[in-house]
Amino acid sequence: MKTVSSLKRKKPRKIKTALLGGVLDVCLRQVREKHGLTLRAVAEASSVPLATILRMEYGCEVELSSALMLAKFYETPIEQLFALKSNGKVSK
């Protein structure tokens, strides 16, 4: 029988937007500005904390669930928010 202390809490999955020296290009700011939205407006409408969105735009590690919530808010595939670079160029 397992005890409470032996059960490990599952950590949320995270993505590293600044992975391996720039393998991912963060397109969040460009998408937000294209829609004419402020950080505050996106945070309020998407239920993703403003600080989290800001960290994502700067390429910090974030929870996958937050990235998925923003993709849903923008009605766009997550691949358009975090594009893989190929040979120094962003693939879209």
N, C-alpha and C. Protein backbone atom coordinates (compact mmCIF):
# COMPACT_ATOMS: atom_id res chain seq x y z
N MET A 1 0.84 -1.19 0.00
CA MET A 1 0.00 0.00 0.00
C MET A 1 0.88 1.25 0.00
N LYS A 2 0.55 2.19 -0.87
CA LYS A 2 1.33 3.41 -0.97
C LYS A 2 0.88 4.40 0.09
N THR A 3 1.84 5.12 0.62
CA THR A 3 1.52 6.17 1.58
C THR A 3 1.43 7.48 0.84
N VAL A 4 0.84 8.44 1.49
CA VAL A 4 0.70 9.77 0.88
C VAL A 4 2.06 10.36 0.54
N SER A 5 3.04 10.15 1.40
CA SER A 5 4.36 10.72 1.15
C SER A 5 5.07 10.05 -0.01
N SER A 6 4.66 8.82 -0.36
CA SER A 6 5.32 8.14 -1.47
C SER A 6 4.74 8.52 -2.82
N LEU A 7 3.58 9.16 -2.84
CA LEU A 7 2.97 9.59 -4.08
C LEU A 7 3.58 10.92 -4.51
N LYS A 8 4.07 10.95 -5.71
CA LYS A 8 4.69 12.17 -6.21
C LYS A 8 3.66 12.97 -6.99
N ARG A 9 3.67 14.25 -6.75
CA ARG A 9 2.79 15.13 -7.50
C ARG A 9 3.37 15.29 -8.90
N LYS A 10 2.54 15.09 -9.88
CA LYS A 10 2.98 15.20 -11.26
C LYS A 10 3.20 16.67 -11.61
N LYS A 11 4.38 16.97 -12.13
CA LYS A 11 4.70 18.35 -12.50
C LYS A 11 4.07 18.69 -13.84
N PRO A 12 3.62 19.95 -14.00
CA PRO A 12 3.06 20.33 -15.29
C PRO A 12 4.15 20.31 -16.36
N ARG A 13 3.77 19.94 -17.57
CA ARG A 13 4.73 19.91 -18.68
C ARG A 13 5.09 21.34 -19.05
N LYS A 14 6.36 21.53 -19.33
CA LYS A 14 6.83 22.86 -19.70
C LYS A 14 7.52 22.78 -21.04
N ILE A 15 7.49 23.89 -21.74
CA ILE A 15 8.25 23.99 -22.97
C ILE A 15 9.31 25.06 -22.76
N LYS A 16 10.44 24.87 -23.35
CA LYS A 16 11.50 25.86 -23.24
C LYS A 16 11.54 26.64 -24.54
N THR A 17 11.12 27.89 -24.48
CA THR A 17 11.07 28.70 -25.69
C THR A 17 12.45 29.22 -26.07
N ALA A 18 13.40 29.15 -25.15
CA ALA A 18 14.76 29.57 -25.45
C ALA A 18 15.66 28.34 -25.54
N LEU A 19 15.12 27.26 -26.02
CA LEU A 19 15.77 25.97 -26.05
C LEU A 19 16.96 25.94 -27.01
N LEU A 20 18.06 25.37 -26.58
CA LEU A 20 19.23 25.11 -27.42
C LEU A 20 19.68 26.30 -28.25
N GLY A 21 19.85 27.41 -27.60
CA GLY A 21 20.39 28.58 -28.28
C GLY A 21 19.54 29.12 -29.40
N GLY A 22 18.25 29.11 -29.24
CA GLY A 22 17.40 29.75 -30.23
C GLY A 22 16.79 28.82 -31.26
N VAL A 23 16.52 27.58 -30.90
CA VAL A 23 15.87 26.66 -31.82
C VAL A 23 14.43 27.06 -32.06
N LEU A 24 13.81 27.64 -31.04
CA LEU A 24 12.43 28.11 -31.18
C LEU A 24 12.40 29.63 -31.30
N ASP A 25 11.57 30.11 -32.17
CA ASP A 25 11.38 31.54 -32.31
C ASP A 25 10.00 31.88 -31.73
N VAL A 26 9.98 32.75 -30.76
CA VAL A 26 8.72 33.12 -30.12
C VAL A 26 8.04 34.20 -30.95
N CYS A 27 6.87 33.88 -31.44
CA CYS A 27 6.12 34.79 -32.31
C CYS A 27 4.95 35.45 -31.58
N LEU A 28 4.86 35.24 -30.27
CA LEU A 28 3.71 35.74 -29.52
C LEU A 28 3.54 37.24 -29.61
N ARG A 29 4.62 37.97 -29.44
CA ARG A 29 4.50 39.43 -29.46
C ARG A 29 4.01 39.92 -30.83
N GLN A 30 4.56 39.33 -31.89
CA GLN A 30 4.15 39.73 -33.22
C GLN A 30 2.66 39.44 -33.44
N VAL A 31 2.21 38.29 -32.97
CA VAL A 31 0.79 37.93 -33.12
C VAL A 31 -0.08 38.89 -32.32
N ARG A 32 0.35 39.17 -31.08
CA ARG A 32 -0.42 40.10 -30.23
C ARG A 32 -0.51 41.48 -30.87
N GLU A 33 0.62 41.98 -31.35
CA GLU A 33 0.63 43.31 -31.96
C GLU A 33 -0.16 43.34 -33.26
N LYS A 34 -0.12 42.24 -34.00
CA LYS A 34 -0.90 42.14 -35.25
C LYS A 34 -2.40 42.28 -34.97
N HIS A 35 -2.83 41.77 -33.82
CA HIS A 35 -4.23 41.88 -33.42
C HIS A 35 -4.52 43.22 -32.73
N GLY A 36 -3.49 44.03 -32.52
CA GLY A 36 -3.69 45.34 -31.90
C GLY A 36 -4.04 45.25 -30.42
N LEU A 37 -3.51 44.24 -29.74
CA LEU A 37 -3.86 44.02 -28.34
C LEU A 37 -2.70 44.35 -27.40
N THR A 38 -3.03 44.76 -26.20
CA THR A 38 -2.03 44.98 -25.16
C THR A 38 -1.86 43.69 -24.37
N LEU A 39 -0.77 43.62 -23.61
CA LEU A 39 -0.57 42.46 -22.72
C LEU A 39 -1.73 42.30 -21.77
N ARG A 40 -2.18 43.39 -21.19
CA ARG A 40 -3.28 43.36 -20.23
C ARG A 40 -4.56 42.81 -20.86
N ALA A 41 -4.86 43.25 -22.08
CA ALA A 41 -6.08 42.79 -22.76
C ALA A 41 -6.02 41.29 -23.03
N VAL A 42 -4.87 40.81 -23.47
CA VAL A 42 -4.71 39.37 -23.74
C VAL A 42 -4.83 38.58 -22.44
N ALA A 43 -4.20 39.08 -21.38
CA ALA A 43 -4.25 38.38 -20.09
C ALA A 43 -5.68 38.27 -19.58
N GLU A 44 -6.42 39.35 -19.66
CA GLU A 44 -7.81 39.34 -19.18
C GLU A 44 -8.70 38.43 -20.02
N ALA A 45 -8.53 38.47 -21.33
CA ALA A 45 -9.40 37.70 -22.21
C ALA A 45 -9.03 36.22 -22.27
N SER A 46 -7.77 35.89 -22.06
CA SER A 46 -7.33 34.50 -22.20
C SER A 46 -7.23 33.76 -20.87
N SER A 47 -7.30 34.48 -19.77
CA SER A 47 -7.13 33.91 -18.42
C SER A 47 -5.71 33.42 -18.16
N VAL A 48 -4.76 33.86 -18.96
CA VAL A 48 -3.34 33.57 -18.73
C VAL A 48 -2.77 34.80 -18.03
N PRO A 49 -2.10 34.62 -16.89
CA PRO A 49 -1.56 35.78 -16.17
C PRO A 49 -0.64 36.63 -17.03
N LEU A 50 -0.73 37.94 -16.85
CA LEU A 50 0.08 38.88 -17.61
C LEU A 50 1.57 38.55 -17.50
N ALA A 51 2.04 38.23 -16.30
CA ALA A 51 3.46 37.92 -16.11
C ALA A 51 3.87 36.69 -16.91
N THR A 52 2.97 35.73 -17.02
CA THR A 52 3.26 34.52 -17.80
C THR A 52 3.39 34.85 -19.28
N ILE A 53 2.49 35.67 -19.78
CA ILE A 53 2.55 36.07 -21.19
C ILE A 53 3.84 36.83 -21.46
N LEU A 54 4.20 37.72 -20.57
CA LEU A 54 5.44 38.48 -20.72
C LEU A 54 6.65 37.56 -20.75
N ARG A 55 6.70 36.58 -19.84
CA ARG A 55 7.81 35.62 -19.83
C ARG A 55 7.85 34.83 -21.13
N MET A 56 6.69 34.47 -21.63
CA MET A 56 6.64 33.73 -22.90
C MET A 56 7.17 34.58 -24.04
N GLU A 57 6.81 35.85 -24.07
CA GLU A 57 7.27 36.74 -25.14
C GLU A 57 8.78 36.95 -25.09
N TYR A 58 9.35 36.86 -23.90
CA TYR A 58 10.80 37.02 -23.75
C TYR A 58 11.55 35.71 -23.89
N GLY A 59 10.84 34.62 -24.14
CA GLY A 59 11.51 33.35 -24.40
C GLY A 59 11.86 32.54 -23.18
N CYS A 60 11.17 32.74 -22.07
CA CYS A 60 11.42 31.97 -20.86
C CYS A 60 10.62 30.68 -20.88
N GLU A 61 11.02 29.74 -20.02
CA GLU A 61 10.30 28.48 -19.90
C GLU A 61 8.91 28.71 -19.32
N VAL A 62 7.92 28.12 -19.95
CA VAL A 62 6.54 28.29 -19.51
C VAL A 62 5.81 26.95 -19.56
N GLU A 63 4.67 26.89 -18.89
CA GLU A 63 3.86 25.68 -18.91
C GLU A 63 3.17 25.53 -20.26
N LEU A 64 3.13 24.31 -20.71
CA LEU A 64 2.50 24.01 -21.99
C LEU A 64 1.03 24.41 -21.98
N SER A 65 0.38 24.25 -20.84
CA SER A 65 -1.04 24.61 -20.75
C SER A 65 -1.27 26.09 -21.04
N SER A 66 -0.36 26.95 -20.60
CA SER A 66 -0.49 28.38 -20.88
C SER A 66 -0.33 28.67 -22.36
N ALA A 67 0.62 28.00 -22.99
CA ALA A 67 0.82 28.18 -24.43
C ALA A 67 -0.40 27.71 -25.21
N LEU A 68 -0.99 26.60 -24.77
CA LEU A 68 -2.19 26.10 -25.44
C LEU A 68 -3.37 27.04 -25.25
N MET A 69 -3.48 27.65 -24.07
CA MET A 69 -4.56 28.61 -23.82
C MET A 69 -4.43 29.82 -24.74
N LEU A 70 -3.20 30.29 -24.95
CA LEU A 70 -3.00 31.43 -25.85
C LEU A 70 -3.30 31.06 -27.29
N ALA A 71 -2.90 29.86 -27.69
CA ALA A 71 -3.20 29.41 -29.05
C ALA A 71 -4.71 29.35 -29.26
N LYS A 72 -5.43 28.89 -28.27
CA LYS A 72 -6.89 28.84 -28.36
C LYS A 72 -7.47 30.26 -28.42
N PHE A 73 -6.94 31.15 -27.59
CA PHE A 73 -7.41 32.54 -27.58
C PHE A 73 -7.23 33.19 -28.95
N TYR A 74 -6.04 33.01 -29.55
CA TYR A 74 -5.76 33.61 -30.85
C TYR A 74 -6.37 32.83 -32.01
N GLU A 75 -6.97 31.66 -31.70
CA GLU A 75 -7.55 30.80 -32.72
C GLU A 75 -6.53 30.48 -33.80
N THR A 76 -5.36 30.05 -33.35
CA THR A 76 -4.26 29.73 -34.25
C THR A 76 -3.53 28.49 -33.74
N PRO A 77 -2.95 27.71 -34.62
CA PRO A 77 -2.17 26.56 -34.16
C PRO A 77 -0.97 27.01 -33.33
N ILE A 78 -0.63 26.23 -32.33
CA ILE A 78 0.48 26.58 -31.45
C ILE A 78 1.79 26.72 -32.23
N GLU A 79 1.89 26.01 -33.34
CA GLU A 79 3.10 26.08 -34.17
C GLU A 79 3.34 27.49 -34.71
N GLN A 80 2.29 28.27 -34.84
CA GLN A 80 2.46 29.64 -35.33
C GLN A 80 2.90 30.59 -34.22
N LEU A 81 2.77 30.15 -32.98
CA LEU A 81 3.22 30.97 -31.85
C LEU A 81 4.66 30.67 -31.48
N PHE A 82 5.08 29.43 -31.74
CA PHE A 82 6.44 28.99 -31.43
C PHE A 82 6.96 28.24 -32.63
N ALA A 83 7.58 28.94 -33.55
CA ALA A 83 8.04 28.33 -34.80
C ALA A 83 9.45 27.76 -34.64
N LEU A 84 9.66 26.55 -35.17
CA LEU A 84 10.99 25.95 -35.17
C LEU A 84 11.86 26.63 -36.20
N LYS A 85 13.11 26.88 -35.83
CA LYS A 85 14.05 27.47 -36.77
C LYS A 85 14.76 26.36 -37.52
N SER A 86 15.02 26.60 -38.77
CA SER A 86 15.77 25.65 -39.58
C SER A 86 16.88 26.42 -40.28
N ASN A 87 18.14 26.07 -39.97
CA ASN A 87 19.31 26.75 -40.56
C ASN A 87 19.28 28.25 -40.33
N GLY A 88 18.88 28.65 -39.12
CA GLY A 88 18.89 30.07 -38.78
C GLY A 88 17.68 30.83 -39.26
N LYS A 89 16.78 30.17 -39.98
CA LYS A 89 15.57 30.84 -40.47
C LYS A 89 14.36 30.24 -39.76
N VAL A 90 13.36 31.04 -39.59
CA VAL A 90 12.14 30.58 -38.93
C VAL A 90 11.29 29.87 -39.95
N SER A 91 10.89 28.62 -39.62
CA SER A 91 9.97 27.90 -40.50
C SER A 91 8.55 28.15 -40.03
N LYS A 92 7.66 28.36 -40.95
CA LYS A 92 6.26 28.64 -40.59
C LYS A 92 5.34 27.70 -41.30
